Structures are given as structure tokens and as C-alpha cells.
Protein backbone atom coordinates (compact mmCIF):
# COMPACT_ATOMS: atom_id res chain seq x y z
CA MET A 1 -26.83 -30.59 -5.10
CA ARG A 2 -25.40 -28.19 -7.83
CA ILE A 3 -21.60 -26.79 -7.21
CA LYS A 4 -20.21 -23.72 -8.54
CA LEU A 5 -16.61 -23.03 -7.88
CA ILE A 6 -15.75 -19.67 -8.99
CA ILE A 7 -12.23 -17.70 -9.10
CA PRO A 8 -11.74 -14.14 -9.97
CA ASN A 9 -11.67 -14.76 -13.62
CA GLN A 10 -13.60 -17.54 -14.45
CA THR A 11 -15.98 -20.33 -13.53
CA LEU A 12 -14.04 -23.55 -13.10
CA LEU A 13 -17.18 -26.05 -12.27
CA ASP A 14 -20.70 -25.81 -12.51
CA GLU A 15 -22.31 -29.47 -11.83
CA GLU A 16 -24.42 -31.95 -9.91
CA THR A 17 -22.66 -33.57 -6.89
CA TYR A 18 -23.90 -35.54 -4.19
CA LYS A 19 -21.44 -34.76 -1.62
CA VAL A 20 -18.53 -31.97 -1.15
CA SER A 21 -15.53 -32.24 1.11
CA ALA A 22 -13.71 -29.05 1.86
CA PRO A 23 -10.76 -27.39 3.84
CA GLY A 24 -12.73 -25.38 6.58
CA ARG A 25 -10.52 -22.86 9.00
CA GLU A 26 -11.34 -25.73 11.94
CA GLY A 27 -10.73 -28.59 9.88
CA TYR A 28 -12.22 -30.32 6.58
CA PHE A 29 -15.75 -30.90 6.62
CA GLN A 30 -18.40 -32.53 4.22
CA ILE A 31 -21.65 -31.30 2.99
CA LEU A 32 -24.54 -33.57 1.74
CA PRO A 33 -27.91 -32.71 0.26
CA LYS A 34 -29.89 -32.02 3.23
CA HIS A 35 -27.51 -30.20 5.26
CA ILE A 36 -28.48 -26.93 6.54
CA ASP A 37 -27.89 -23.61 4.75
CA ALA A 38 -24.95 -22.04 6.04
CA THR A 39 -21.61 -20.40 5.22
CA TRP A 40 -17.74 -21.15 5.71
CA SER A 41 -14.50 -19.74 5.54
CA LEU A 42 -11.93 -21.95 3.62
CA ARG A 43 -8.28 -22.43 4.42
CA ALA A 44 -5.79 -23.41 1.57
CA GLY A 45 -6.35 -27.17 1.06
CA ILE A 46 -8.11 -29.91 -1.20
CA LEU A 47 -11.82 -29.77 -2.10
CA THR A 48 -13.08 -32.99 -3.22
CA VAL A 49 -16.46 -32.81 -5.41
CA TYR A 50 -18.22 -36.40 -5.44
CA GLN A 51 -20.21 -37.29 -8.44
CA ASP A 52 -21.72 -40.51 -9.65
CA HIS A 53 -18.87 -42.47 -10.67
CA HIS A 54 -15.70 -40.18 -9.84
CA GLU A 55 -14.51 -37.66 -7.83
CA ARG A 56 -12.90 -34.33 -8.86
CA TYR A 57 -10.18 -32.43 -6.76
CA PHE A 58 -9.12 -28.85 -6.61
CA ALA A 59 -6.59 -27.27 -4.88
CA VAL A 60 -7.90 -24.21 -3.49
CA ASN A 61 -6.50 -20.98 -1.77
CA GLU A 62 -8.61 -19.38 1.02
CA GLY A 63 -11.99 -18.67 0.32
CA PHE A 64 -15.78 -18.92 1.14
CA LEU A 65 -18.28 -21.74 0.76
CA VAL A 66 -21.86 -20.97 1.11
CA LYS A 67 -24.62 -23.58 1.01
CA ARG A 68 -28.17 -22.33 0.51
CA GLY A 69 -31.09 -24.90 -0.79
CA ASP A 70 -29.74 -27.48 -3.23
CA LYS A 71 -26.83 -24.63 -4.47
CA VAL A 72 -23.21 -24.88 -3.12
CA LYS A 73 -21.18 -21.74 -4.24
CA VAL A 74 -17.18 -21.78 -3.60
CA ALA A 75 -15.39 -18.59 -4.23
CA CYS A 76 -11.50 -18.45 -4.09
CA LEU A 77 -8.69 -16.60 -5.36
CA GLN A 78 -6.86 -19.30 -6.77
CA ALA A 79 -7.99 -22.74 -7.46
CA ILE A 80 -6.26 -25.71 -9.69
CA GLU A 81 -8.17 -28.72 -10.75
CA GLY A 82 -6.26 -32.44 -10.83
CA VAL A 83 -7.90 -35.57 -12.42
CA SER A 84 -6.10 -37.52 -9.26
CA LEU A 85 -4.47 -36.43 -6.37
CA GLU A 86 -0.96 -37.39 -7.68
CA LYS A 87 -1.43 -35.04 -11.08
CA LEU A 88 -3.12 -32.37 -8.74
CA GLU A 89 0.36 -32.75 -6.58
CA ARG A 90 2.30 -32.50 -9.88
CA ASN A 91 0.32 -29.30 -11.10
CA LEU A 92 0.86 -27.49 -7.55
CA ARG A 93 4.50 -28.02 -7.53
CA GLU A 94 4.73 -26.37 -11.25
CA THR A 95 2.45 -23.75 -10.27
CA PHE A 96 4.24 -22.77 -7.05
CA LEU A 97 7.40 -22.91 -8.88
CA LYS A 98 6.44 -20.27 -10.89
CA VAL A 99 5.06 -18.12 -8.32
CA ASP A 100 7.91 -18.60 -6.06
CA ASP A 101 10.10 -17.32 -9.03
CA MET A 102 8.01 -14.50 -9.27
CA GLU A 103 7.75 -13.69 -5.62
CA ARG A 104 11.41 -13.91 -5.28
CA LYS A 105 12.00 -11.44 -8.25
CA ALA A 106 9.36 -8.92 -6.43
CA ARG A 107 11.26 -9.24 -3.45
CA GLU A 108 14.65 -8.31 -5.19
CA VAL A 109 13.14 -5.33 -6.76
CA LEU A 110 11.69 -4.26 -3.32
CA VAL A 111 14.97 -4.66 -1.83
CA LYS A 112 16.69 -2.38 -4.28
CA MET A 113 14.02 0.20 -3.91
CA GLU A 114 14.51 0.13 -0.19
CA VAL A 115 17.97 0.55 -0.08
CA ASP A 116 17.68 3.30 -2.82
CA ALA A 117 15.16 5.03 -0.75
CA MET A 118 17.80 4.46 2.41
CA LYS A 119 20.93 6.20 0.20
CA ARG A 120 18.53 8.99 -0.73
CA PHE A 121 17.44 9.81 3.05
CA VAL A 122 21.41 9.74 4.30
CA GLU A 123 21.91 11.86 1.43
CA LEU A 124 19.60 14.21 2.60
CA GLU A 125 20.64 14.42 5.92
CA LYS A 126 24.36 15.52 4.65
């Protein structure tokens, strides 16, 4: 079967596989070539793609997985590949540290805007 992993700005993977393990809303599940056609909602977790002599690991954010015939399509907002689970964990930590810092800065700006708006409302009441 063929798997295609898509994020908003690119296709990360488009290759043959014999099994896929994915993080569904109700828990992890596996897909084999003769699995029935179906659609699943994904939660954040590790998507594992099994190929002939190796496995590929992707940390995925929420998304959808659709199996139709011999094609599996995965669409999610974010995905990061790791050669091994250890390297994937390191990549995730680095990415999340950057995101956490950006979110902290954004929250600081929002708090300043809220304080400024409250001050203006108080001035209007005077």
C-alpha cells in the first residue's frame, strides 16, 4: 500500500509501506493492506510507517487518516520526522522550545493589549 503524509505547506512522505501505526482519538491503531476503507481522526502522537527493512517515525499533531483501497493519506497541521525515536524526541524538544518561546511572547503582547484596552475603558468612564 502507499502512504502519503501531508502538512499544509508540503508533502513529507509518499512511499510504499506494508503497515502503519497511528494515534487515533480512541487509542493507537494499525492499518494493513487488506484493512477496510475508513477514516480516522488523529490526536497528537507518533505515526510509525513500516517499510521493508526499517521503520520511519513521525510526530504528528491532530489531523485525519484516510484509507481507501491501497492508498493511505494522512493530513495534519504539523509533523516532524525522526530517524529513531531518540532523535525524534530531540527534534520535538527543540521545536517545542521554539514554539513555547513564541507563544510566551505572543501572550505578553496580548496581556499588554488587554491592559491598554482596560485603561482606555476606565478613561472613557471618567
